Amino acid sequence: GRGEYAASKGAVNALIPIIAKEVIDRRIRINSVSPGFVKT
């Protein structure tokens, strides 16, 4: 049941290291945090 949600967040994770390479010349850092179930 989590396939569509995982796909949308997986796209974020795939993007992060690519953007990190593109902006490292400005010393901009970019990361993601992947929690389990959070009280929200």
Full PDB file with SEQRES, HELIX, SHEET, SSBOND, CRYST1, ORIGX, SCALE, CONECT and MASTER records, all heavy atoms in Angstrom:
SEQRES   1 A   40  GLY ARG GLY GLU TYR ALA ALA SER LYS GLY ALA VAL ASN          
SEQRES   2 A   40  ALA LEU ILE PRO ILE ILE ALA LYS GLU VAL ILE ASP ARG          
SEQRES   3 A   40  ARG ILE ARG ILE ASN SER VAL SER PRO GLY PHE VAL LYS          
SEQRES   4 A   40  THR                                                          
HELIX    1 AA1 GLY A    3  VAL A   23  1                                  21    
HELIX    2 AA2 ILE A   24  ARG A   26  5                                   3    
CRYST1    1.000    1.000    1.000  90.00  90.00  90.00 P 1           1          
ORIGX1      1.000000  0.000000  0.000000        0.00000                         
ORIGX2      0.000000  1.000000  0.000000        0.00000                         
ORIGX3      0.000000  0.000000  1.000000        0.00000                         
SCALE1      1.000000  0.000000  0.000000        0.00000                         
SCALE2      0.000000  1.000000  0.000000        0.00000                         
SCALE3      0.000000  0.000000  1.000000        0.00000                         
ATOM      1  N   GLY A   1       0.779  -1.234   0.000  1.00  0.00           N  
ATOM      2  CA  GLY A   1       0.000   0.000   0.000  1.00  0.00           C  
ATOM      3  C   GLY A   1       0.810   1.284   0.000  1.00  0.00           C  
ATOM      4  O   GLY A   1       0.242   2.369  -0.089  1.00  0.00           O  
ATOM      5  N   ARG A   2       2.135   1.179   0.099  1.00  0.00           N  
ATOM      6  CA  ARG A   2       2.957   2.383   0.207  1.00  0.00           C  
ATOM      7  C   ARG A   2       3.719   2.695  -1.086  1.00  0.00           C  
ATOM      8  O   ARG A   2       4.594   3.554  -1.108  1.00  0.00           O  
ATOM      9  CB  ARG A   2       3.968   2.228   1.351  1.00  0.00           C  
ATOM     10  CG  ARG A   2       3.373   1.892   2.688  1.00  0.00           C  
ATOM     11  CD  ARG A   2       2.667   3.066   3.310  1.00  0.00           C  
ATOM     12  NE  ARG A   2       3.603   4.017   3.869  1.00  0.00           N  
ATOM     13  CZ  ARG A   2       3.235   5.139   4.499  1.00  0.00           C  
ATOM     14  NH1 ARG A   2       1.948   5.449   4.603  1.00  0.00           N  
ATOM     15  NH2 ARG A   2       4.136   5.956   4.995  1.00  0.00           N  
ATOM     16  N   GLY A   3       3.368   1.997  -2.178  1.00  0.00           N  
ATOM     17  CA  GLY A   3       4.141   2.125  -3.405  1.00  0.00           C  
ATOM     18  C   GLY A   3       4.175   3.530  -3.969  1.00  0.00           C  
ATOM     19  O   GLY A   3       5.248   4.040  -4.325  1.00  0.00           O  
ATOM     20  N   GLU A   4       3.025   4.171  -4.074  1.00  0.00           N  
ATOM     21  CA  GLU A   4       2.978   5.497  -4.687  1.00  0.00           C  
ATOM     22  C   GLU A   4       3.703   6.524  -3.823  1.00  0.00           C  
ATOM     23  O   GLU A   4       4.444   7.384  -4.327  1.00  0.00           O  
ATOM     24  CB  GLU A   4       1.523   5.900  -4.923  1.00  0.00           C  
ATOM     25  CG  GLU A   4       0.819   4.996  -5.930  1.00  0.00           C  
ATOM     26  CD  GLU A   4      -0.666   5.291  -6.035  1.00  0.00           C  
ATOM     27  OE1 GLU A   4      -1.047   6.476  -5.952  1.00  0.00           O  
ATOM     28  OE2 GLU A   4      -1.450   4.344  -6.192  1.00  0.00           O  
ATOM     29  N   TYR A   5       3.498   6.438  -2.527  1.00  0.00           N  
ATOM     30  CA  TYR A   5       4.186   7.345  -1.606  1.00  0.00           C  
ATOM     31  C   TYR A   5       5.693   7.133  -1.683  1.00  0.00           C  
ATOM     32  O   TYR A   5       6.470   8.092  -1.793  1.00  0.00           O  
ATOM     33  CB  TYR A   5       3.673   7.114  -0.188  1.00  0.00           C  
ATOM     34  CG  TYR A   5       4.383   7.926   0.867  1.00  0.00           C  
ATOM     35  CD1 TYR A   5       4.275   9.314   0.895  1.00  0.00           C  
ATOM     36  CD2 TYR A   5       5.156   7.304   1.846  1.00  0.00           C  
ATOM     37  CE1 TYR A   5       4.929  10.067   1.872  1.00  0.00           C  
ATOM     38  CE2 TYR A   5       5.807   8.042   2.821  1.00  0.00           C  
ATOM     39  CZ  TYR A   5       5.685   9.422   2.830  1.00  0.00           C  
ATOM     40  OH  TYR A   5       6.338  10.157   3.795  1.00  0.00           O  
ATOM     41  N   ALA A   6       6.124   5.867  -1.655  1.00  0.00           N  
ATOM     42  CA  ALA A   6       7.549   5.557  -1.732  1.00  0.00           C  
ATOM     43  C   ALA A   6       8.150   6.069  -3.035  1.00  0.00           C  
ATOM     44  O   ALA A   6       9.291   6.554  -3.055  1.00  0.00           O  
ATOM     45  CB  ALA A   6       7.767   4.050  -1.596  1.00  0.00           C  
ATOM     46  N   ALA A   7       7.391   5.971  -4.129  1.00  0.00           N  
ATOM     47  CA  ALA A   7       7.888   6.450  -5.419  1.00  0.00           C  
ATOM     48  C   ALA A   7       8.125   7.961  -5.390  1.00  0.00           C  
ATOM     49  O   ALA A   7       9.140   8.456  -5.912  1.00  0.00           O  
ATOM     50  CB  ALA A   7       6.906   6.087  -6.522  1.00  0.00           C  
ATOM     51  N   SER A   8       7.211   8.698  -4.788  1.00  0.00           N  
ATOM     52  CA  SER A   8       7.359  10.155  -4.752  1.00  0.00           C  
ATOM     53  C   SER A   8       8.543  10.571  -3.886  1.00  0.00           C  
ATOM     54  O   SER A   8       9.279  11.504  -4.212  1.00  0.00           O  
ATOM     55  CB  SER A   8       6.067  10.816  -4.251  1.00  0.00           C  
ATOM     56  OG  SER A   8       5.827  10.539  -2.878  1.00  0.00           O  
ATOM     57  N   LYS A   9       8.743   9.873  -2.776  1.00  0.00           N  
ATOM     58  CA  LYS A   9       9.874  10.189  -1.901  1.00  0.00           C  
ATOM     59  C   LYS A   9      11.184   9.644  -2.463  1.00  0.00           C  
ATOM     60  O   LYS A   9      12.251  10.226  -2.268  1.00  0.00           O  
ATOM     61  CB  LYS A   9       9.623   9.632  -0.501  1.00  0.00           C  
ATOM     62  CG  LYS A   9       8.510  10.342   0.257  1.00  0.00           C  
ATOM     63  CD  LYS A   9       8.829  11.804   0.501  1.00  0.00           C  
ATOM     64  CE  LYS A   9       7.829  12.461   1.432  1.00  0.00           C  
ATOM     65  NZ  LYS A   9       8.166  13.888   1.700  1.00  0.00           N  
ATOM     66  N   GLY A  10      11.105   8.516  -3.176  1.00  0.00           N  
ATOM     67  CA  GLY A  10      12.296   7.994  -3.827  1.00  0.00           C  
ATOM     68  C   GLY A  10      12.836   8.958  -4.863  1.00  0.00           C  
ATOM     69  O   GLY A  10      14.051   9.055  -5.068  1.00  0.00           O  
ATOM     70  N   ALA A  11      11.929   9.681  -5.519  1.00  0.00           N  
ATOM     71  CA  ALA A  11      12.359  10.699  -6.485  1.00  0.00           C  
ATOM     72  C   ALA A  11      13.158  11.799  -5.790  1.00  0.00           C  
ATOM     73  O   ALA A  11      14.149  12.299  -6.331  1.00  0.00           O  
ATOM     74  CB  ALA A  11      11.142  11.283  -7.201  1.00  0.00           C  
ATOM     75  N   VAL A  12      12.733  12.164  -4.600  1.00  0.00           N  
ATOM     76  CA  VAL A  12      13.475  13.159  -3.812  1.00  0.00           C  
ATOM     77  C   VAL A  12      14.883  12.651  -3.516  1.00  0.00           C  
ATOM     78  O   VAL A  12      15.874  13.351  -3.720  1.00  0.00           O  
ATOM     79  CB  VAL A  12      12.734  13.482  -2.497  1.00  0.00           C  
ATOM     80  CG1 VAL A  12      13.600  14.345  -1.573  1.00  0.00           C  
ATOM     81  CG2 VAL A  12      11.409  14.179  -2.779  1.00  0.00           C  
ATOM     82  N   ASN A  13      14.973  11.406  -3.048  1.00  0.00           N  
ATOM     83  CA  ASN A  13      16.279  10.837  -2.691  1.00  0.00           C  
ATOM     84  C   ASN A  13      17.212  10.748  -3.901  1.00  0.00           C  
ATOM     85  O   ASN A  13      18.422  10.943  -3.779  1.00  0.00           O  
ATOM     86  CB  ASN A  13      16.103   9.454  -2.078  1.00  0.00           C  
ATOM     87  CG  ASN A  13      15.461   9.502  -0.705  1.00  0.00           C  
ATOM     88  OD1 ASN A  13      15.251  10.580  -0.142  1.00  0.00           O  
ATOM     89  ND2 ASN A  13      15.128   8.346  -0.162  1.00  0.00           N  
ATOM     90  N   ALA A  14      16.642  10.429  -5.067  1.00  0.00           N  
ATOM     91  CA  ALA A  14      17.464  10.346  -6.276  1.00  0.00           C  
ATOM     92  C   ALA A  14      17.998  11.714  -6.681  1.00  0.00           C  
ATOM     93  O   ALA A  14      19.110  11.830  -7.231  1.00  0.00           O  
ATOM     94  CB  ALA A  14      16.637   9.740  -7.410  1.00  0.00           C  
ATOM     95  N   LEU A  15      17.217  12.747  -6.412  1.00  0.00           N  
ATOM     96  CA  LEU A  15      17.601  14.100  -6.804  1.00  0.00           C  
ATOM     97  C   LEU A  15      18.711  14.674  -5.930  1.00  0.00           C  
ATOM     98  O   LEU A  15      19.579  15.415  -6.416  1.00  0.00           O  
ATOM     99  CB  LEU A  15      16.368  15.011  -6.735  1.00  0.00           C  
ATOM    100  CG  LEU A  15      16.547  16.469  -7.150  1.00  0.00           C  
ATOM    101  CD1 LEU A  15      16.830  16.562  -8.645  1.00  0.00           C  
ATOM    102  CD2 LEU A  15      15.305  17.280  -6.786  1.00  0.00           C  
ATOM    103  N   ILE A  16      18.702  14.333  -4.637  1.00  0.00           N  
ATOM    104  CA  ILE A  16      19.575  14.984  -3.654  1.00  0.00           C  
ATOM    105  C   ILE A  16      21.057  14.948  -4.057  1.00  0.00           C  
ATOM    106  O   ILE A  16      21.705  16.004  -4.120  1.00  0.00           O  
ATOM    107  CB  ILE A  16      19.382  14.356  -2.258  1.00  0.00           C  
ATOM    108  CG1 ILE A  16      17.968  14.637  -1.722  1.00  0.00           C  
ATOM    109  CG2 ILE A  16      20.448  14.859  -1.279  1.00  0.00           C  
ATOM    110  CD1 ILE A  16      17.684  16.045  -1.320  1.00  0.00           C  
ATOM    111  N   PRO A  17      21.658  13.783  -4.337  1.00  0.00           N  
ATOM    112  CA  PRO A  17      23.098  13.792  -4.648  1.00  0.00           C  
ATOM    113  C   PRO A  17      23.435  14.496  -5.963  1.00  0.00           C  
ATOM    114  O   PRO A  17      24.531  15.047  -6.111  1.00  0.00           O  
ATOM    115  CB  PRO A  17      23.462  12.302  -4.698  1.00  0.00           C  
ATOM    116  CG  PRO A  17      22.172  11.579  -4.926  1.00  0.00           C  
ATOM    117  CD  PRO A  17      21.123  12.409  -4.274  1.00  0.00           C  
ATOM    118  N   ILE A  18      22.495  14.492  -6.891  1.00  0.00           N  
ATOM    119  CA  ILE A  18      22.727  15.192  -8.159  1.00  0.00           C  
ATOM    120  C   ILE A  18      22.778  16.699  -7.930  1.00  0.00           C  
ATOM    121  O   ILE A  18      23.685  17.395  -8.418  1.00  0.00           O  
ATOM    122  CB  ILE A  18      21.633  14.817  -9.181  1.00  0.00           C  
ATOM    123  CG1 ILE A  18      21.731  13.324  -9.526  1.00  0.00           C  
ATOM    124  CG2 ILE A  18      21.767  15.673 -10.440  1.00  0.00           C  
ATOM    125  CD1 ILE A  18      20.559  12.795 -10.303  1.00  0.00           C  
ATOM    126  N   ILE A  19      21.816  17.212  -7.178  1.00  0.00           N  
ATOM    127  CA  ILE A  19      21.826  18.636  -6.847  1.00  0.00           C  
ATOM    128  C   ILE A  19      23.077  18.985  -6.045  1.00  0.00           C  
ATOM    129  O   ILE A  19      23.700  20.036  -6.249  1.00  0.00           O  
ATOM    130  CB  ILE A  19      20.564  19.021  -6.059  1.00  0.00           C  
ATOM    131  CG1 ILE A  19      19.306  18.785  -6.906  1.00  0.00           C  
ATOM    132  CG2 ILE A  19      20.629  20.488  -5.615  1.00  0.00           C  
ATOM    133  CD1 ILE A  19      19.250  19.589  -8.174  1.00  0.00           C  
ATOM    134  N   ALA A  20      23.454  18.094  -5.120  1.00  0.00           N  
ATOM    135  CA  ALA A  20      24.655  18.344  -4.304  1.00  0.00           C  
ATOM    136  C   ALA A  20      25.871  18.585  -5.185  1.00  0.00           C  
ATOM    137  O   ALA A  20      26.693  19.478  -4.916  1.00  0.00           O  
ATOM    138  CB  ALA A  20      24.895  17.175  -3.360  1.00  0.00           C  
ATOM    139  N   LYS A  21      26.012  17.793  -6.260  1.00  0.00           N  
ATOM    140  CA  LYS A  21      27.132  17.981  -7.189  1.00  0.00           C  
ATOM    141  C   LYS A  21      27.025  19.310  -7.924  1.00  0.00           C  
ATOM    142  O   LYS A  21      28.032  19.997  -8.154  1.00  0.00           O  
ATOM    143  CB  LYS A  21      27.156  16.849  -8.211  1.00  0.00           C  
ATOM    144  CG  LYS A  21      27.856  15.588  -7.734  1.00  0.00           C  
ATOM    145  CD  LYS A  21      28.038  14.626  -8.908  1.00  0.00           C  
ATOM    146  CE  LYS A  21      28.920  13.453  -8.503  1.00  0.00           C  
ATOM    147  NZ  LYS A  21      29.197  12.560  -9.661  1.00  0.00           N  
ATOM    148  N   GLU A  22      25.802  19.677  -8.290  1.00  0.00           N  
ATOM    149  CA  GLU A  22      25.614  20.885  -9.097  1.00  0.00           C  
ATOM    150  C   GLU A  22      25.892  22.167  -8.320  1.00  0.00           C  
ATOM    151  O   GLU A  22      26.241  23.188  -8.909  1.00  0.00           O  
ATOM    152  CB  GLU A  22      24.192  20.906  -9.667  1.00  0.00           C  
ATOM    153  CG  GLU A  22      23.921  19.822 -10.704  1.00  0.00           C  
ATOM    154  CD  GLU A  22      22.538  19.941 -11.331  1.00  0.00           C  
ATOM    155  OE1 GLU A  22      21.820  20.905 -11.015  1.00  0.00           O  
ATOM    156  OE2 GLU A  22      22.186  19.063 -12.148  1.00  0.00           O  
ATOM    157  N   VAL A  23      25.709  22.125  -7.006  1.00  0.00           N  
ATOM    158  CA  VAL A  23      25.812  23.368  -6.220  1.00  0.00           C  
ATOM    159  C   VAL A  23      27.022  23.388  -5.294  1.00  0.00           C  
ATOM    160  O   VAL A  23      27.196  24.341  -4.527  1.00  0.00           O  
ATOM    161  CB  VAL A  23      24.529  23.605  -5.394  1.00  0.00           C  
ATOM    162  CG1 VAL A  23      23.324  23.735  -6.313  1.00  0.00           C  
ATOM    163  CG2 VAL A  23      24.304  22.492  -4.368  1.00  0.00           C  
ATOM    164  N   ILE A  24      27.867  22.369  -5.362  1.00  0.00           N  
ATOM    165  CA  ILE A  24      28.978  22.301  -4.416  1.00  0.00           C  
ATOM    166  C   ILE A  24      29.990  23.421  -4.636  1.00  0.00           C  
ATOM    167  O   ILE A  24      30.720  23.801  -3.720  1.00  0.00           O  
ATOM    168  CB  ILE A  24      29.647  20.909  -4.476  1.00  0.00           C  
ATOM    169  CG1 ILE A  24      30.389  20.638  -3.167  1.00  0.00           C  
ATOM    170  CG2 ILE A  24      30.553  20.791  -5.711  1.00  0.00           C  
ATOM    171  CD1 ILE A  24      30.750  19.188  -2.950  1.00  0.00           C  
ATOM    172  N   ASP A  25      30.018  23.992  -5.853  1.00  0.00           N  
ATOM    173  CA  ASP A  25      30.945  25.096  -6.100  1.00  0.00           C  
ATOM    174  C   ASP A  25      30.577  26.322  -5.278  1.00  0.00           C  
ATOM    175  O   ASP A  25      31.442  27.169  -5.001  1.00  0.00           O  
ATOM    176  CB  ASP A  25      30.999  25.446  -7.593  1.00  0.00           C  
ATOM    177  CG  ASP A  25      29.650  25.835  -8.160  1.00  0.00           C  
ATOM    178  OD1 ASP A  25      28.628  25.320  -7.657  1.00  0.00           O  
ATOM    179  OD2 ASP A  25      29.615  26.654  -9.092  1.00  0.00           O  
ATOM    180  N   ARG A  26      29.325  26.442  -4.868  1.00  0.00           N  
ATOM    181  CA  ARG A  26      28.903  27.531  -3.972  1.00  0.00           C  
ATOM    182  C   ARG A  26      28.898  27.081  -2.517  1.00  0.00           C  
ATOM    183  O   ARG A  26      28.445  27.816  -1.648  1.00  0.00           O  
ATOM    184  CB  ARG A  26      27.501  28.042  -4.342  1.00  0.00           C  
ATOM    185  CG  ARG A  26      27.439  28.756  -5.684  1.00  0.00           C  
ATOM    186  CD  ARG A  26      26.089  29.447  -5.841  1.00  0.00           C  
ATOM    187  NE  ARG A  26      25.908  30.444  -4.807  1.00  0.00           N  
ATOM    188  CZ  ARG A  26      24.724  30.755  -4.251  1.00  0.00           C  
ATOM    189  NH1 ARG A  26      23.625  30.130  -4.635  1.00  0.00           N  
ATOM    190  NH2 ARG A  26      24.656  31.679  -3.316  1.00  0.00           N  
ATOM    191  N   ARG A  27      29.386  25.883  -2.283  1.00  0.00           N  
ATOM    192  CA  ARG A  27      29.432  25.300  -0.940  1.00  0.00           C  
ATOM    193  C   ARG A  27      28.040  25.194  -0.318  1.00  0.00           C  
ATOM    194  O   ARG A  27      27.876  25.251   0.901  1.00  0.00           O  
ATOM    195  CB  ARG A  27      30.395  26.063  -0.018  1.00  0.00           C  
ATOM    196  CG  ARG A  27      31.814  26.140  -0.555  1.00  0.00           C  
ATOM    197  CD  ARG A  27      32.797  26.669   0.459  1.00  0.00           C  
ATOM    198  NE  ARG A  27      33.012  25.730   1.547  1.00  0.00           N  
ATOM    199  CZ  ARG A  27      33.829  24.676   1.492  1.00  0.00           C  
ATOM    200  NH1 ARG A  27      34.508  24.431   0.377  1.00  0.00           N  
ATOM    201  NH2 ARG A  27      33.969  23.886   2.523  1.00  0.00           N  
ATOM    202  N   ILE A  28      27.040  25.054  -1.174  1.00  0.00           N  
ATOM    203  CA  ILE A  28      25.687  24.773  -0.695  1.00  0.00           C  
ATOM    204  C   ILE A  28      25.593  23.275  -0.415  1.00  0.00           C  
ATOM    205  O   ILE A  28      25.989  22.455  -1.239  1.00  0.00           O  
ATOM    206  CB  ILE A  28      24.626  25.184  -1.730  1.00  0.00           C  
ATOM    207  CG1 ILE A  28      24.611  26.707  -1.889  1.00  0.00           C  
ATOM    208  CG2 ILE A  28      23.240  24.679  -1.326  1.00  0.00           C  
ATOM    209  CD1 ILE A  28      23.659  27.208  -2.954  1.00  0.00           C  
ATOM    210  N   ARG A  29      25.080  22.929   0.739  1.00  0.00           N  
ATOM    211  CA  ARG A  29      24.889  21.526   1.105  1.00  0.00           C  
ATOM    212  C   ARG A  29      23.410  21.171   1.034  1.00  0.00           C  
ATOM    213  O   ARG A  29      22.555  21.984   1.377  1.00  0.00           O  
ATOM    214  CB  ARG A  29      25.406  21.253   2.521  1.00  0.00           C  
ATOM    215  CG  ARG A  29      26.898  21.477   2.665  1.00  0.00           C  
ATOM    216  CD  ARG A  29      27.421  21.026   4.021  1.00  0.00           C  
ATOM    217  NE  ARG A  29      26.914  21.824   5.130  1.00  0.00           N  
ATOM    218  CZ  ARG A  29      26.012  21.411   6.012  1.00  0.00           C  
ATOM    219  NH1 ARG A  29      25.476  20.195   5.931  1.00  0.00           N  
ATOM    220  NH2 ARG A  29      25.623  22.199   6.993  1.00  0.00           N  
ATOM    221  N   ILE A  30      23.115  19.954   0.596  1.00  0.00           N  
ATOM    222  CA  ILE A  30      21.730  19.493   0.504  1.00  0.00           C  
ATOM    223  C   ILE A  30      21.660  18.035   0.933  1.00  0.00           C  
ATOM    224  O   ILE A  30      22.451  17.206   0.484  1.00  0.00           O  
ATOM    225  CB  ILE A  30      21.160  19.695  -0.922  1.00  0.00           C  
ATOM    226  CG1 ILE A  30      19.714  19.187  -1.006  1.00  0.00           C  
ATOM    227  CG2 ILE A  30      22.040  19.051  -1.982  1.00  0.00           C  
ATOM    228  CD1 ILE A  30      18.997  19.575  -2.296  1.00  0.00           C  
ATOM    229  N   ASN A  31      20.732  17.731   1.822  1.00  0.00           N  
ATOM    230  CA  ASN A  31      20.536  16.378   2.339  1.00  0.00           C  
ATOM    231  C   ASN A  31      19.057  16.127   2.554  1.00  0.00           C  
ATOM    232  O   ASN A  31      18.231  17.047   2.517  1.00  0.00           O  
ATOM    233  CB  ASN A  31      21.269  16.203   3.682  1.00  0.00           C  
ATOM    234  CG  ASN A  31      22.763  16.418   3.566  1.00  0.00           C  
ATOM    235  OD1 ASN A  31      23.471  15.585   3.029  1.00  0.00           O  
ATOM    236  ND2 ASN A  31      23.242  17.556   4.058  1.00  0.00           N  
ATOM    237  N   SER A  32      18.725  14.874   2.796  1.00  0.00           N  
ATOM    238  CA  SER A  32      17.354  14.521   3.190  1.00  0.00           C  
ATOM    239  C   SER A  32      17.398  13.705   4.472  1.00  0.00           C  
ATOM    240  O   SER A  32      18.400  13.073   4.800  1.00  0.00           O  
ATOM    241  CB  SER A  32      16.641  13.737   2.085  1.00  0.00           C  
ATOM    242  OG  SER A  32      17.374  12.585   1.731  1.00  0.00           O  
ATOM    243  N   VAL A  33      16.280  13.736   5.188  1.00  0.00           N  
ATOM    244  CA  VAL A  33      16.098  12.930   6.396  1.00  0.00           C  
ATOM    245  C   VAL A  33      14.912  12.016   6.155  1.00  0.00           C  
ATOM    246  O   VAL A  33      13.840  12.475   5.733  1.00  0.00           O  
ATOM    247  CB  VAL A  33      15.852  13.811   7.636  1.00  0.00           C  
ATOM    248  CG1 VAL A  33      15.566  12.946   8.860  1.00  0.00           C  
ATOM    249  CG2 VAL A  33      17.060  14.713   7.896  1.00  0.00           C  
ATOM    250  N   SER A  34      15.104  10.720   6.409  1.00  0.00           N  
ATOM    251  CA  SER A  34      14.045   9.725   6.171  1.00  0.00           C  
ATOM    252  C   SER A  34      13.614   9.097   7.484  1.00  0.00           C  
ATOM    253  O   SER A  34      14.228   8.134   7.960  1.00  0.00           O  
ATOM    254  CB  SER A  34      14.548   8.635   5.213  1.00  0.00           C  
ATOM    255  OG  SER A  34      14.695   9.138   3.909  1.00  0.00           O  
ATOM    256  N   PRO A  35      12.555   9.611   8.090  1.00  0.00           N  
ATOM    257  CA  PRO A  35      12.089   9.031   9.346  1.00  0.00           C  
ATOM    258  C   PRO A  35      11.205   7.803   9.114  1.00  0.00           C  
ATOM    259  O   PRO A  35      10.661   7.594   8.014  1.00  0.00           O  
ATOM    260  CB  PRO A  35      11.254  10.158   9.977  1.00  0.00           C  
ATOM    261  CG  PRO A  35      11.387  11.338   9.073  1.00  0.00           C  
ATOM    262  CD  PRO A  35      11.807  10.817   7.738  1.00  0.00           C  
ATOM    263  N   GLY A  36      11.052   7.012  10.165  1.00  0.00           N  
ATOM    264  CA  GLY A  36      10.007   6.002  10.200  1.00  0.00           C  
ATOM    265  C   GLY A  36       8.697   6.694  10.555  1.00  0.00           C  
ATOM    266  O   GLY A  36       8.490   7.867  10.237  1.00  0.00           O  
ATOM    267  N   PHE A  37       7.792   5.990  11.235  1.00  0.00           N  
ATOM    268  CA  PHE A  37       6.528   6.607  11.617  1.00  0.00           C  
ATOM    269  C   PHE A  37       6.767   7.690  12.669  1.00  0.00           C  
ATOM    270  O   PHE A  37       7.403   7.457  13.696  1.00  0.00           O  
ATOM    271  CB  PHE A  37       5.554   5.562  12.152  1.00  0.00           C  
ATOM    272  CG  PHE A  37       4.766   4.885  11.065  1.00  0.00           C  
ATOM    273  CD1 PHE A  37       5.122   3.617  10.618  1.00  0.00           C  
ATOM    274  CD2 PHE A  37       3.677   5.512  10.477  1.00  0.00           C  
ATOM    275  CE1 PHE A  37       4.399   2.990   9.609  1.00  0.00           C  
ATOM    276  CE2 PHE A  37       2.947   4.902   9.464  1.00  0.00           C  
ATOM    277  CZ  PHE A  37       3.315   3.635   9.033  1.00  0.00           C  
ATOM    278  N   VAL A  38       6.251   8.887  12.386  1.00  0.00           N  
ATOM    279  CA  VAL A  38       6.402  10.044  13.264  1.00  0.00           C  
ATOM    280  C   VAL A  38       5.014  10.443  13.774  1.00  0.00           C  
ATOM    281  O   VAL A  38       4.005  10.294  13.071  1.00  0.00           O  
ATOM    282  CB  VAL A  38       7.048  11.229  12.507  1.00  0.00           C  
ATOM    283  CG1 VAL A  38       7.254  12.427  13.430  1.00  0.00           C  
ATOM    284  CG2 VAL A  38       8.377  10.794  11.888  1.00  0.00           C  
ATOM    285  N   LYS A  39       4.974  10.974  14.971  1.00  0.00           N  
ATOM    286  CA  LYS A  39       3.714  11.381  15.588  1.00  0.00           C  
ATOM    287  C   LYS A  39       3.221  12.684  14.962  1.00  0.00           C  
ATOM    288  O   LYS A  39       3.429  13.778  15.477  1.00  0.00           O  
ATOM    289  CB  LYS A  39       3.891  11.549  17.098  1.00  0.00           C  
ATOM    290  CG  LYS A  39       2.590  11.719  17.862  1.00  0.00           C  
ATOM    291  CD  LYS A  39       2.836  11.802  19.355  1.00  0.00           C  
ATOM    292  CE  LYS A  39       1.530  11.936  20.125  1.00  0.00           C  
ATOM    293  NZ  LYS A  39       1.778  12.029  21.591  1.00  0.00           N  
ATOM    294  N   THR A  40       2.551  12.557  13.820  1.00  0.00           N  
ATOM    295  CA  THR A  40       2.023  13.706  13.087  1.00  0.00           C  
ATOM    296  C   THR A  40       0.582  13.424  12.683  1.00  0.00           C  
ATOM    297  O   THR A  40       0.042  12.356  12.964  1.00  0.00           O  
ATOM    298  CB  THR A  40       2.856  13.969  11.815  1.00  0.00           C  
ATOM    299  OG1 THR A  40       2.707  12.842  10.934  1.00  0.00           O  
ATOM    300  CG2 THR A  40       4.330  14.169  12.146  1.00  0.00           C  
TER     301      THR A  40                                                      
MASTER        0    0    0    2    0    0    0    6  300    1    0    4          
END                                                                             
